[in-house]
Amino acid sequence: MFYPKDSHVGIVDGWDESGNVQIIHCASGHNGMVITARGGFVAVGRSNEYEDI
């Protein structure tokens, strides 16, 4: 998942019990990795490494 202009990147972790996507990302240097809802993420990408799967 990406923020506008690729200013922040997250990894889709799965879905919560309500069906909302959950994103793993570093919210700031002070609190490390977090799991949050989609929030400001606006685009989804997939590495070319997985095209054949």
PDB file of N, CA and C in Angstrom:
ATOM      1  N   MET A   1       0.846  -1.163   0.000  1.00  0.00           N
ATOM      2  CA  MET A   1       0.000   0.000   0.000  1.00  0.00           C
ATOM      3  C   MET A   1       0.895   1.231   0.000  1.00  0.00           C
ATOM      4  N   PHE A   2       0.424   2.270  -0.661  1.00  0.00           N
ATOM      5  CA  PHE A   2       1.206   3.491  -0.781  1.00  0.00           C
ATOM      6  C   PHE A   2       0.371   4.717  -0.446  1.00  0.00           C
ATOM      7  N   TYR A   3       1.020   5.710   0.146  1.00  0.00           N
ATOM      8  CA  TYR A   3       0.430   7.039   0.332  1.00  0.00           C
ATOM      9  C   TYR A   3       0.552   7.789  -0.992  1.00  0.00           C
ATOM     10  N   PRO A   4      -0.155   8.907  -1.136  1.00  0.00           N
ATOM     11  CA  PRO A   4       0.003   9.706  -2.355  1.00  0.00           C
ATOM     12  C   PRO A   4       1.475  10.034  -2.611  1.00  0.00           C
ATOM     13  N   LYS A   5       1.868  10.015  -3.867  1.00  0.00           N
ATOM     14  CA  LYS A   5       3.232  10.293  -4.306  1.00  0.00           C
ATOM     15  C   LYS A   5       4.249   9.354  -3.664  1.00  0.00           C
ATOM     16  N   ASP A   6       3.809   8.178  -3.238  1.00  0.00           N
ATOM     17  CA  ASP A   6       4.678   7.157  -2.633  1.00  0.00           C
ATOM     18  C   ASP A   6       5.476   7.698  -1.449  1.00  0.00           C
ATOM     19  N   SER A   7       4.874   8.612  -0.683  1.00  0.00           N
ATOM     20  CA  SER A   7       5.576   9.225   0.441  1.00  0.00           C
ATOM     21  C   SER A   7       5.628   8.327   1.679  1.00  0.00           C
ATOM     22  N   HIS A   8       4.864   7.223   1.674  1.00  0.00           N
ATOM     23  CA  HIS A   8       4.844   6.294   2.804  1.00  0.00           C
ATOM     24  C   HIS A   8       4.396   4.940   2.273  1.00  0.00           C
ATOM     25  N   VAL A   9       4.966   3.868   2.784  1.00  0.00           N
ATOM     26  CA  VAL A   9       4.679   2.522   2.285  1.00  0.00           C
ATOM     27  C   VAL A   9       4.265   1.620   3.433  1.00  0.00           C
ATOM     28  N   GLY A  10       3.290   0.753   3.177  1.00  0.00           N
ATOM     29  CA  GLY A  10       2.866  -0.237   4.150  1.00  0.00           C
ATOM     30  C   GLY A  10       2.661  -1.579   3.479  1.00  0.00           C
ATOM     31  N   ILE A  11       2.519  -2.627   4.283  1.00  0.00           N
ATOM     32  CA  ILE A  11       2.313  -3.984   3.783  1.00  0.00           C
ATOM     33  C   ILE A  11       0.952  -4.471   4.254  1.00  0.00           C
ATOM     34  N   VAL A  12       0.151  -4.995   3.326  1.00  0.00           N
ATOM     35  CA  VAL A  12      -1.151  -5.548   3.699  1.00  0.00           C
ATOM     36  C   VAL A  12      -0.922  -6.792   4.533  1.00  0.00           C
ATOM     37  N   ASP A  13      -1.515  -6.800   5.735  1.00  0.00           N
ATOM     38  CA  ASP A  13      -1.355  -7.912   6.670  1.00  0.00           C
ATOM     39  C   ASP A  13      -2.536  -8.868   6.622  1.00  0.00           C
ATOM     40  N   GLY A  14      -3.683  -8.383   6.215  1.00  0.00           N
ATOM     41  CA  GLY A  14      -4.895  -9.193   6.192  1.00  0.00           C
ATOM     42  C   GLY A  14      -6.093  -8.312   6.462  1.00  0.00           C
ATOM     43  N   TRP A  15      -7.127  -8.901   7.051  1.00  0.00           N
ATOM     44  CA  TRP A  15      -8.364  -8.173   7.311  1.00  0.00           C
ATOM     45  C   TRP A  15      -8.770  -8.360   8.755  1.00  0.00           C
ATOM     46  N   ASP A  16      -9.432  -7.337   9.307  1.00  0.00           N
ATOM     47  CA  ASP A  16      -9.947  -7.462  10.667  1.00  0.00           C
ATOM     48  C   ASP A  16     -11.284  -8.198  10.643  1.00  0.00           C
ATOM     49  N   GLU A  17     -11.901  -8.379  11.790  1.00  0.00           N
ATOM     50  CA  GLU A  17     -13.148  -9.141  11.881  1.00  0.00           C
ATOM     51  C   GLU A  17     -14.306  -8.493  11.141  1.00  0.00           C
ATOM     52  N   SER A  18     -14.193  -7.209  10.804  1.00  0.00           N
ATOM     53  CA  SER A  18     -15.236  -6.503  10.043  1.00  0.00           C
ATOM     54  C   SER A  18     -14.961  -6.493   8.546  1.00  0.00           C
ATOM     55  N   GLY A  19     -13.843  -7.088   8.121  1.00  0.00           N
ATOM     56  CA  GLY A  19     -13.498  -7.139   6.708  1.00  0.00           C
ATOM     57  C   GLY A  19     -12.680  -5.960   6.217  1.00  0.00           C
ATOM     58  N   ASN A  20     -12.204  -5.112   7.124  1.00  0.00           N
ATOM     59  CA  ASN A  20     -11.379  -3.971   6.746  1.00  0.00           C
ATOM     60  C   ASN A  20      -9.921  -4.395   6.628  1.00  0.00           C
ATOM     61  N   VAL A  21      -9.245  -3.888   5.601  1.00  0.00           N
ATOM     62  CA  VAL A  21      -7.840  -4.233   5.395  1.00  0.00           C
ATOM     63  C   VAL A  21      -6.991  -3.672   6.537  1.00  0.00           C
ATOM     64  N   GLN A  22      -5.975  -4.433   6.934  1.00  0.00           N
ATOM     65  CA  GLN A  22      -5.044  -4.028   7.978  1.00  0.00           C
ATOM     66  C   GLN A  22      -3.661  -3.853   7.346  1.00  0.00           C
ATOM     67  N   ILE A  23      -2.988  -2.753   7.691  1.00  0.00           N
ATOM     68  CA  ILE A  23      -1.704  -2.408   7.100  1.00  0.00           C
ATOM     69  C   ILE A  23      -0.626  -2.367   8.178  1.00  0.00           C
ATOM     70  N   ILE A  24       0.520  -3.013   7.912  1.00  0.00           N
ATOM     71  CA  ILE A  24       1.684  -2.915   8.789  1.00  0.00           C
ATOM     72  C   ILE A  24       2.559  -1.797   8.228  1.00  0.00           C
ATOM     73  N   HIS A  25       2.928  -0.860   9.080  1.00  0.00           N
ATOM     74  CA  HIS A  25       3.809   0.225   8.643  1.00  0.00           C
ATOM     75  C   HIS A  25       4.464   0.877   9.846  1.00  0.00           C
ATOM     76  N   CYS A  26       5.467   1.679   9.568  1.00  0.00           N
ATOM     77  CA  CYS A  26       6.167   2.410  10.616  1.00  0.00           C
ATOM     78  C   CYS A  26       5.513   3.782  10.735  1.00  0.00           C
ATOM     79  N   ALA A  27       4.779   4.001  11.820  1.00  0.00           N
ATOM     80  CA  ALA A  27       4.062   5.259  11.989  1.00  0.00           C
ATOM     81  C   ALA A  27       5.002   6.407  12.308  1.00  0.00           C
ATOM     82  N   SER A  28       6.074   6.140  13.014  1.00  0.00           N
ATOM     83  CA  SER A  28       7.099   7.152  13.307  1.00  0.00           C
ATOM     84  C   SER A  28       8.325   6.441  13.838  1.00  0.00           C
ATOM     85  N   GLY A  29       9.406   7.142  13.923  1.00  0.00           N
ATOM     86  CA  GLY A  29      10.630   6.559  14.446  1.00  0.00           C
ATOM     87  C   GLY A  29      10.560   6.265  15.928  1.00  0.00           C
ATOM     88  N   HIS A  30       9.554   6.832  16.605  1.00  0.00           N
ATOM     89  CA  HIS A  30       9.452   6.695  18.056  1.00  0.00           C
ATOM     90  C   HIS A  30       8.730   5.434  18.504  1.00  0.00           C
ATOM     91  N   ASN A  31       7.783   4.941  17.686  1.00  0.00           N
ATOM     92  CA  ASN A  31       7.019   3.791  18.155  1.00  0.00           C
ATOM     93  C   ASN A  31       7.146   2.557  17.265  1.00  0.00           C
ATOM     94  N   GLY A  32       8.026   2.559  16.319  1.00  0.00           N
ATOM     95  CA  GLY A  32       8.274   1.380  15.500  1.00  0.00           C
ATOM     96  C   GLY A  32       7.095   0.984  14.626  1.00  0.00           C
ATOM     97  N   MET A  33       6.940  -0.318  14.417  1.00  0.00           N
ATOM     98  CA  MET A  33       5.912  -0.853  13.528  1.00  0.00           C
ATOM     99  C   MET A  33       4.558  -0.899  14.219  1.00  0.00           C
ATOM    100  N   VAL A  34       3.508  -0.602  13.437  1.00  0.00           N
ATOM    101  CA  VAL A  34       2.136  -0.664  13.936  1.00  0.00           C
ATOM    102  C   VAL A  34       1.265  -1.359  12.904  1.00  0.00           C
ATOM    103  N   ILE A  35       0.117  -1.838  13.344  1.00  0.00           N
ATOM    104  CA  ILE A  35      -0.898  -2.377  12.442  1.00  0.00           C
ATOM    105  C   ILE A  35      -2.107  -1.466  12.567  1.00  0.00           C
ATOM    106  N   THR A  36      -2.517  -0.877  11.435  1.00  0.00           N
ATOM    107  CA  THR A  36      -3.633   0.062  11.449  1.00  0.00           C
ATOM    108  C   THR A  36      -4.582  -0.236  10.296  1.00  0.00           C
ATOM    109  N   ALA A  37      -5.689   0.483  10.275  1.00  0.00           N
ATOM    110  CA  ALA A  37      -6.618   0.424   9.153  1.00  0.00           C
ATOM    111  C   ALA A  37      -5.990   1.135   7.959  1.00  0.00           C
ATOM    112  N   ARG A  38      -6.662   1.143   6.861  1.00  0.00           N
ATOM    113  CA  ARG A  38      -6.136   1.687   5.607  1.00  0.00           C
ATOM    114  C   ARG A  38      -5.722   3.153   5.723  1.00  0.00           C
ATOM    115  N   GLY A  39      -6.444   3.957   6.451  1.00  0.00           N
ATOM    116  CA  GLY A  39      -6.085   5.361   6.678  1.00  0.00           C
ATOM    117  C   GLY A  39      -5.789   6.122   5.405  1.00  0.00           C
ATOM    118  N   GLY A  40      -4.617   6.758   5.315  1.00  0.00           N
ATOM    119  CA  GLY A  40      -4.251   7.581   4.172  1.00  0.00           C
ATOM    120  C   GLY A  40      -3.690   6.827   2.983  1.00  0.00           C
ATOM    121  N   PHE A  41      -3.596   5.498   3.083  1.00  0.00           N
ATOM    122  CA  PHE A  41      -3.083   4.724   1.965  1.00  0.00           C
ATOM    123  C   PHE A  41      -4.086   4.757   0.824  1.00  0.00           C
ATOM    124  N   VAL A  42      -3.598   5.045  -0.381  1.00  0.00           N
ATOM    125  CA  VAL A  42      -4.512   5.251  -1.507  1.00  0.00           C
ATOM    126  C   VAL A  42      -4.294   4.299  -2.678  1.00  0.00           C
ATOM    127  N   ALA A  43      -3.162   3.603  -2.721  1.00  0.00           N
ATOM    128  CA  ALA A  43      -2.877   2.750  -3.873  1.00  0.00           C
ATOM    129  C   ALA A  43      -2.302   1.424  -3.415  1.00  0.00           C
ATOM    130  N   VAL A  44      -2.533   0.396  -4.228  1.00  0.00           N
ATOM    131  CA  VAL A  44      -2.005  -0.933  -3.941  1.00  0.00           C
ATOM    132  C   VAL A  44      -1.072  -1.321  -5.076  1.00  0.00           C
ATOM    133  N   GLY A  45       0.048  -1.912  -4.743  1.00  0.00           N
ATOM    134  CA  GLY A  45       0.978  -2.393  -5.753  1.00  0.00           C
ATOM    135  C   GLY A  45       1.414  -3.804  -5.427  1.00  0.00           C
ATOM    136  N   ARG A  46       1.908  -4.497  -6.419  1.00  0.00           N
ATOM    137  CA  ARG A  46       2.401  -5.858  -6.219  1.00  0.00           C
ATOM    138  C   ARG A  46       3.719  -6.003  -6.959  1.00  0.00           C
ATOM    139  N   SER A  47       4.694  -6.546  -6.295  1.00  0.00           N
ATOM    140  CA  SER A  47       6.010  -6.716  -6.892  1.00  0.00           C
ATOM    141  C   SER A  47       5.934  -7.604  -8.124  1.00  0.00           C
ATOM    142  N   ASN A  48       6.734  -7.298  -9.125  1.00  0.00           N
ATOM    143  CA  ASN A  48       6.801  -8.134 -10.329  1.00  0.00           C
ATOM    144  C   ASN A  48       7.314  -9.535 -10.020  1.00  0.00           C
ATOM    145  N   GLU A  49       7.948  -9.705  -8.881  1.00  0.00           N
ATOM    146  CA  GLU A  49       8.472 -11.013  -8.485  1.00  0.00           C
ATOM    147  C   GLU A  49       7.370 -12.052  -8.323  1.00  0.00           C
ATOM    148  N   TYR A  50       6.129 -11.626  -8.134  1.00  0.00           N
ATOM    149  CA  TYR A  50       5.037 -12.541  -7.846  1.00  0.00           C
ATOM    150  C   TYR A  50       4.059 -12.685  -8.999  1.00  0.00           C
ATOM    151  N   GLU A  51       4.395 -12.220 -10.179  1.00  0.00           N
ATOM    152  CA  GLU A  51       3.469 -12.282 -11.303  1.00  0.00           C
ATOM    153  C   GLU A  51       3.127 -13.706 -11.712  1.00  0.00           C
ATOM    154  N   ASP A  52       4.033 -14.644 -11.547  1.00  0.00           N
ATOM    155  CA  ASP A  52       3.799 -16.018 -11.991  1.00  0.00           C
ATOM    156  C   ASP A  52       3.074 -16.870 -10.957  1.00  0.00           C
ATOM    157  N   ILE A  53       2.816 -16.324  -9.787  1.00  0.00           N
ATOM    158  CA  ILE A  53       2.173 -17.109  -8.727  1.00  0.00           C
ATOM    159  C   ILE A  53       0.671 -16.961  -8.815  1.00  0.00           C
TER     160      ILE A  53
END
